[in-house]
Amino acid sequence: MASIWRPVKGLLIKDLGNNVFIFQFFHPFDVERVLKDEPWNYQQHPLLLHVLQSHENPRQIDLVKLVLWVQVHNILAGFVSERVARDAGNYLGEYIESDARNYTCIWRDFMRIRVAIDIRNPLKRKLFIKRSGGEQICLDFKYERLNTFCYFCGKVGHTDKFCKLLYDYPMFPKDKFAYGSWLKADSKHQTQIGAKWLRSENDIMAERETGVLVSPVQADQQRGGRINFGDSTDVAAFHGVSKENIFAGFEIGNGSRSNEA
């Protein structure tokens, strides 16, 4: 992971056994960058992160939270709001933040929210919301940078080949699985011809923050109502991250060869 994170001030790693590791950083900027760019994967398995506090024993911490960005699809323009983002995030797990671009561009096919999900629970696939007139709308979820998860039980950390639950139903047809690759968000970015004359969402956000008008050419040069839930779920507690802490604990999912559910 050191070669991936490339901490400017270095990194110290200690193996505690049972797929639990301590990563000691020597500058808060390195920690902040690692936290900001979650989720991380090692050998196709998720790294679960927790910032250690001075009173905590790393061997006694339950590493069950995975932080990632989730796309909310099929949402109507009138429902794109901080309230909907927060409620959807708390339905998925624990809401952390909403992408500022949700509210700045002309139109997006989805809304992005950052959440902490409990890997002991199956992934959420959709959410039903009800309009004031009584009409129901189905919102679909897609998970960004989601790697290994089971298409049968919907849990993160293993595939259906090692799913204990599927062992109880050996004849269950794969085409009837409730989950699939469609839960993964497309990470491909298309390059547009004529982009030099087009304004990006980043330029618009920069103008709102600074009040300075940025032209497309300059930007190119500088760069060189209410909600009813479909079903209920237990909301897991999310431990806040303090920027002053420079110690982080991680766990490698269930291990690169584990068959744990």
Protein backbone atom coordinates (compact mmCIF):
# COMPACT_ATOMS: atom_id res chain seq x y z
CA MET A 1 0.00 0.00 0.00
CA ALA A 2 2.95 2.33 0.53
CA SER A 3 3.61 2.36 -3.22
CA ILE A 4 -0.03 3.27 -3.85
CA TRP A 5 -0.40 5.93 -1.17
CA ARG A 6 3.11 7.38 -1.61
CA PRO A 7 3.13 9.28 1.70
CA VAL A 8 5.47 12.25 1.49
CA LYS A 9 6.70 11.83 5.07
CA GLY A 10 6.85 8.04 4.99
CA LEU A 11 4.85 5.18 6.46
CA LEU A 12 5.37 2.51 9.13
CA ILE A 13 3.39 -0.75 8.88
CA LYS A 14 2.84 -3.34 11.60
CA ASP A 15 1.01 -6.65 11.12
CA LEU A 16 -1.21 -7.49 14.12
CA GLY A 17 -2.38 -10.79 12.64
CA ASN A 18 -5.87 -11.87 11.56
CA ASN A 19 -5.67 -9.52 8.56
CA VAL A 20 -5.38 -6.46 10.82
CA PHE A 21 -2.62 -3.92 10.26
CA ILE A 22 -1.45 -0.67 11.80
CA PHE A 23 -0.35 2.08 9.43
CA GLN A 24 1.52 4.91 11.10
CA PHE A 25 1.82 8.15 9.13
CA PHE A 26 4.14 10.99 10.04
CA HIS A 27 2.20 13.96 8.75
CA PRO A 28 -1.55 14.75 8.94
CA PHE A 29 -1.61 15.73 5.24
CA ASP A 30 -0.77 12.14 4.27
CA VAL A 31 -3.55 10.83 6.51
CA GLU A 32 -6.04 13.33 5.14
CA ARG A 33 -5.27 12.35 1.56
CA VAL A 34 -5.71 8.63 2.28
CA LEU A 35 -9.03 9.24 4.02
CA LYS A 36 -10.29 11.52 1.27
CA ASP A 37 -9.59 8.97 -1.48
CA GLU A 38 -11.40 6.01 0.09
CA PRO A 39 -12.25 3.27 -0.64
CA TRP A 40 -9.01 1.32 -1.06
CA ASN A 41 -8.55 -2.26 -2.19
CA TYR A 42 -5.73 -4.74 -1.77
CA GLN A 43 -5.60 -7.85 -3.96
CA GLN A 44 -9.21 -7.24 -5.02
CA HIS A 45 -10.44 -7.03 -1.43
CA PRO A 46 -11.55 -3.92 0.48
CA LEU A 47 -9.45 -2.21 3.11
CA LEU A 48 -11.55 -1.14 6.07
CA LEU A 49 -10.22 1.95 7.77
CA HIS A 50 -10.48 3.37 11.27
CA VAL A 51 -8.51 6.26 12.75
CA LEU A 52 -7.20 5.20 16.14
CA GLN A 53 -7.79 7.34 19.18
CA SER A 54 -5.33 7.48 22.07
CA HIS A 55 -7.57 5.39 24.34
CA GLU A 56 -8.30 2.62 21.81
CA ASN A 57 -6.79 -0.84 21.50
CA PRO A 58 -6.45 -1.71 17.79
CA ARG A 59 -7.00 -5.40 18.53
CA GLN A 60 -10.44 -4.69 19.99
CA ILE A 61 -11.87 -2.52 17.22
CA ASP A 62 -14.60 -3.92 15.00
CA LEU A 63 -13.61 -3.00 11.45
CA VAL A 64 -16.93 -3.22 9.65
CA LYS A 65 -17.34 0.17 7.93
CA LEU A 66 -16.51 0.84 4.29
CA VAL A 67 -16.58 4.45 3.07
CA LEU A 68 -17.39 5.03 -0.59
CA TRP A 69 -19.32 7.17 -3.06
CA VAL A 70 -22.75 6.00 -4.20
CA GLN A 71 -24.63 7.22 -7.26
CA VAL A 72 -28.40 7.70 -6.92
CA HIS A 73 -30.00 7.16 -10.33
CA ASN A 74 -33.50 7.85 -11.70
CA ILE A 75 -33.89 10.88 -9.46
CA LEU A 76 -36.05 13.73 -10.72
CA ALA A 77 -34.76 17.30 -10.78
CA GLY A 78 -37.21 18.36 -8.08
CA PHE A 79 -35.82 15.76 -5.68
CA VAL A 80 -32.18 16.80 -5.94
CA SER A 81 -31.73 18.35 -2.51
CA GLU A 82 -29.56 18.04 0.58
CA ARG A 83 -32.47 16.52 2.48
CA VAL A 84 -32.97 13.73 -0.05
CA ALA A 85 -29.21 13.14 -0.18
CA ARG A 86 -29.02 12.85 3.60
CA ASP A 87 -32.04 10.55 3.89
CA ALA A 88 -30.80 8.31 1.08
CA GLY A 89 -27.35 8.19 2.68
CA ASN A 90 -28.75 7.19 6.06
CA TYR A 91 -30.82 4.51 4.33
CA LEU A 92 -27.66 3.09 2.75
CA GLY A 93 -25.70 3.26 6.00
CA GLU A 94 -24.33 6.47 7.48
CA TYR A 95 -24.46 9.68 5.48
CA ILE A 96 -21.17 11.62 5.31
CA GLU A 97 -21.46 14.24 2.59
CA SER A 98 -22.99 15.14 -0.75
CA ASP A 99 -21.10 16.02 -3.92
CA ALA A 100 -21.32 19.79 -4.43
CA ARG A 101 -21.77 19.18 -8.15
CA ASN A 102 -25.20 17.76 -7.40
CA TYR A 103 -26.51 21.30 -7.15
CA THR A 104 -24.35 23.29 -9.60
CA CYS A 105 -24.69 21.74 -13.05
CA ILE A 106 -27.57 22.03 -15.50
CA TRP A 107 -28.42 18.34 -15.43
CA ARG A 108 -26.92 15.11 -14.15
CA ASP A 109 -28.17 11.59 -14.60
CA PHE A 110 -27.54 10.86 -10.94
CA MET A 111 -26.77 12.36 -7.54
CA ARG A 112 -23.56 11.42 -5.69
CA ILE A 113 -23.39 10.89 -1.94
CA ARG A 114 -20.60 9.63 0.30
CA VAL A 115 -21.60 7.07 2.89
CA ALA A 116 -20.18 4.56 5.34
CA ILE A 117 -21.79 1.17 4.83
CA ASP A 118 -21.74 -1.75 7.25
CA ILE A 119 -20.26 -4.72 5.36
CA ARG A 120 -22.16 -7.13 7.61
CA ASN A 121 -25.33 -6.12 5.78
CA PRO A 122 -26.21 -6.75 2.12
CA LEU A 123 -25.79 -3.84 -0.28
CA LYS A 124 -28.89 -1.75 -0.85
CA ARG A 125 -30.08 -1.84 -4.44
CA LYS A 126 -32.92 0.66 -4.56
CA LEU A 127 -35.11 3.03 -2.60
CA PHE A 128 -38.74 3.99 -3.16
CA ILE A 129 -39.77 7.56 -2.50
CA LYS A 130 -43.27 8.98 -2.66
CA ARG A 131 -44.17 12.27 -4.28
CA SER A 132 -46.69 14.64 -2.72
CA GLY A 133 -49.36 13.39 -5.14
CA GLY A 134 -48.87 9.80 -4.02
CA GLU A 135 -46.82 8.60 -7.00
CA GLN A 136 -43.87 6.35 -6.15
CA ILE A 137 -40.44 6.72 -7.71
CA CYS A 138 -37.78 4.01 -7.61
CA LEU A 139 -34.21 5.23 -7.10
CA ASP A 140 -31.41 2.87 -8.14
CA PHE A 141 -28.00 2.79 -6.46
CA LYS A 142 -24.63 2.27 -8.11
CA TYR A 143 -21.45 2.00 -6.05
CA GLU A 144 -18.23 3.67 -7.19
CA ARG A 145 -14.94 1.73 -6.94
CA LEU A 146 -16.74 -1.26 -5.50
CA ASN A 147 -14.63 -4.34 -6.00
CA THR A 148 -15.37 -7.77 -4.55
CA PHE A 149 -18.92 -8.53 -3.46
CA CYS A 150 -21.24 -11.52 -3.64
CA TYR A 151 -23.89 -11.61 -6.36
CA PHE A 152 -25.93 -14.06 -4.27
CA CYS A 153 -26.06 -12.59 -0.74
CA GLY A 154 -25.03 -9.03 -1.65
CA LYS A 155 -22.30 -8.69 0.98
CA VAL A 156 -18.91 -7.09 0.41
CA GLY A 157 -15.67 -9.05 0.85
CA HIS A 158 -16.28 -12.33 -0.98
CA THR A 159 -17.72 -13.68 -4.22
CA ASP A 160 -20.44 -16.28 -4.74
CA LYS A 161 -17.72 -18.95 -5.08
CA PHE A 162 -17.03 -18.62 -1.36
CA CYS A 163 -20.50 -17.68 -0.11
CA LYS A 164 -21.52 -19.86 2.83
CA LEU A 165 -25.18 -19.04 2.28
CA LEU A 166 -25.04 -20.29 -1.31
CA TYR A 167 -23.61 -23.60 -0.09
CA ASP A 168 -27.04 -24.26 1.41
CA TYR A 169 -28.61 -23.78 -2.04
CA PRO A 170 -26.17 -25.49 -4.44
CA MET A 171 -28.71 -25.74 -7.27
CA PHE A 172 -29.74 -22.09 -7.18
CA PRO A 173 -29.44 -20.73 -10.76
CA LYS A 174 -26.98 -17.87 -11.22
CA ASP A 175 -29.33 -16.00 -13.51
CA LYS A 176 -31.70 -15.66 -10.53
CA PHE A 177 -29.16 -13.99 -8.24
CA ALA A 178 -30.50 -10.76 -6.74
CA TYR A 179 -27.24 -8.85 -7.30
CA GLY A 180 -24.91 -8.32 -10.22
CA SER A 181 -22.23 -6.20 -11.86
CA TRP A 182 -24.86 -3.54 -12.59
CA LEU A 183 -24.42 -2.34 -9.00
CA LYS A 184 -20.94 -1.10 -9.94
CA ALA A 185 -20.79 2.45 -11.26
CA ASP A 186 -19.09 2.99 -14.60
CA SER A 187 -15.69 4.57 -13.96
CA LYS A 188 -14.89 5.43 -17.58
CA HIS A 189 -14.52 9.10 -18.50
CA GLN A 190 -15.18 10.24 -22.04
CA THR A 191 -13.09 12.97 -23.67
CA GLN A 192 -15.14 15.43 -25.66
CA ILE A 193 -13.97 17.01 -28.89
CA GLY A 194 -14.03 20.78 -28.59
CA ALA A 195 -13.66 20.67 -24.81
CA LYS A 196 -11.46 23.77 -25.04
CA TRP A 197 -14.57 25.86 -25.62
CA LEU A 198 -16.77 24.06 -23.11
CA ARG A 199 -17.11 25.02 -19.48
CA SER A 200 -16.69 22.31 -16.86
CA GLU A 201 -18.50 21.87 -13.58
CA ASN A 202 -15.20 22.52 -11.78
CA ASP A 203 -14.98 25.96 -13.42
CA ILE A 204 -18.51 26.81 -12.33
CA MET A 205 -17.82 25.70 -8.76
CA ALA A 206 -14.60 27.74 -8.68
CA GLU A 207 -16.52 30.84 -9.74
CA ARG A 208 -19.10 30.32 -7.00
CA GLU A 209 -16.42 29.94 -4.36
CA THR A 210 -14.17 32.83 -5.45
CA GLY A 211 -16.53 35.10 -7.36
CA VAL A 212 -14.00 35.22 -10.22
CA LEU A 213 -15.21 34.48 -13.73
CA VAL A 214 -13.05 31.83 -15.40
CA SER A 215 -13.14 31.49 -19.17
CA PRO A 216 -12.80 28.02 -20.79
CA VAL A 217 -9.45 28.94 -22.32
CA GLN A 218 -8.10 30.28 -19.02
CA ALA A 219 -9.26 27.19 -17.19
CA ASP A 220 -7.55 24.98 -19.78
CA GLN A 221 -4.32 26.91 -19.37
CA GLN A 222 -4.48 26.79 -15.60
CA ARG A 223 -4.89 23.06 -15.64
CA GLY A 224 -1.43 22.55 -18.04
CA GLY A 225 -42.23 16.01 -0.59
CA ARG A 226 -41.30 13.44 1.80
CA ILE A 227 -39.59 10.14 1.69
CA ASN A 228 -41.00 6.69 2.38
CA PHE A 229 -38.44 3.90 2.52
CA GLY A 230 -38.98 0.63 0.68
CA ASP A 231 -37.71 -1.29 3.69
CA SER A 232 -36.03 -0.48 6.97
CA THR A 233 -32.45 -0.98 8.02
CA ASP A 234 -30.35 -0.54 11.10
CA VAL A 235 -28.19 2.55 10.85
CA ALA A 236 -24.66 1.71 11.94
CA ALA A 237 -22.63 4.22 13.91
CA PHE A 238 -19.87 5.99 12.03
CA HIS A 239 -16.85 7.17 13.94
CA GLY A 240 -15.82 10.69 12.98
CA VAL A 241 -12.32 11.22 11.69
CA SER A 242 -10.07 13.75 13.36
CA LYS A 243 -7.48 15.40 11.16
CA GLU A 244 -5.07 15.59 14.09
CA ASN A 245 -4.74 11.81 14.30
CA ILE A 246 -1.93 10.28 12.31
CA PHE A 247 -2.53 6.65 13.16
CA ALA A 248 -4.91 4.53 11.12
CA GLY A 249 -6.00 0.94 11.47
CA PHE A 250 -7.02 -1.18 8.50
CA GLU A 251 -8.30 -4.64 7.82
CA ILE A 252 -8.10 -6.51 4.53
CA GLY A 253 -11.71 -7.59 4.08
CA ASN A 254 -11.85 -11.28 4.78
CA GLY A 255 -8.42 -11.95 3.32
CA SER A 256 -7.40 -12.60 -0.24
CA ARG A 257 -8.22 -16.31 -0.01
CA SER A 258 -10.79 -16.38 2.74
CA ASN A 259 -14.12 -18.10 2.36
CA GLU A 260 -15.72 -16.23 5.23
CA ALA A 261 -19.15 -14.78 4.53
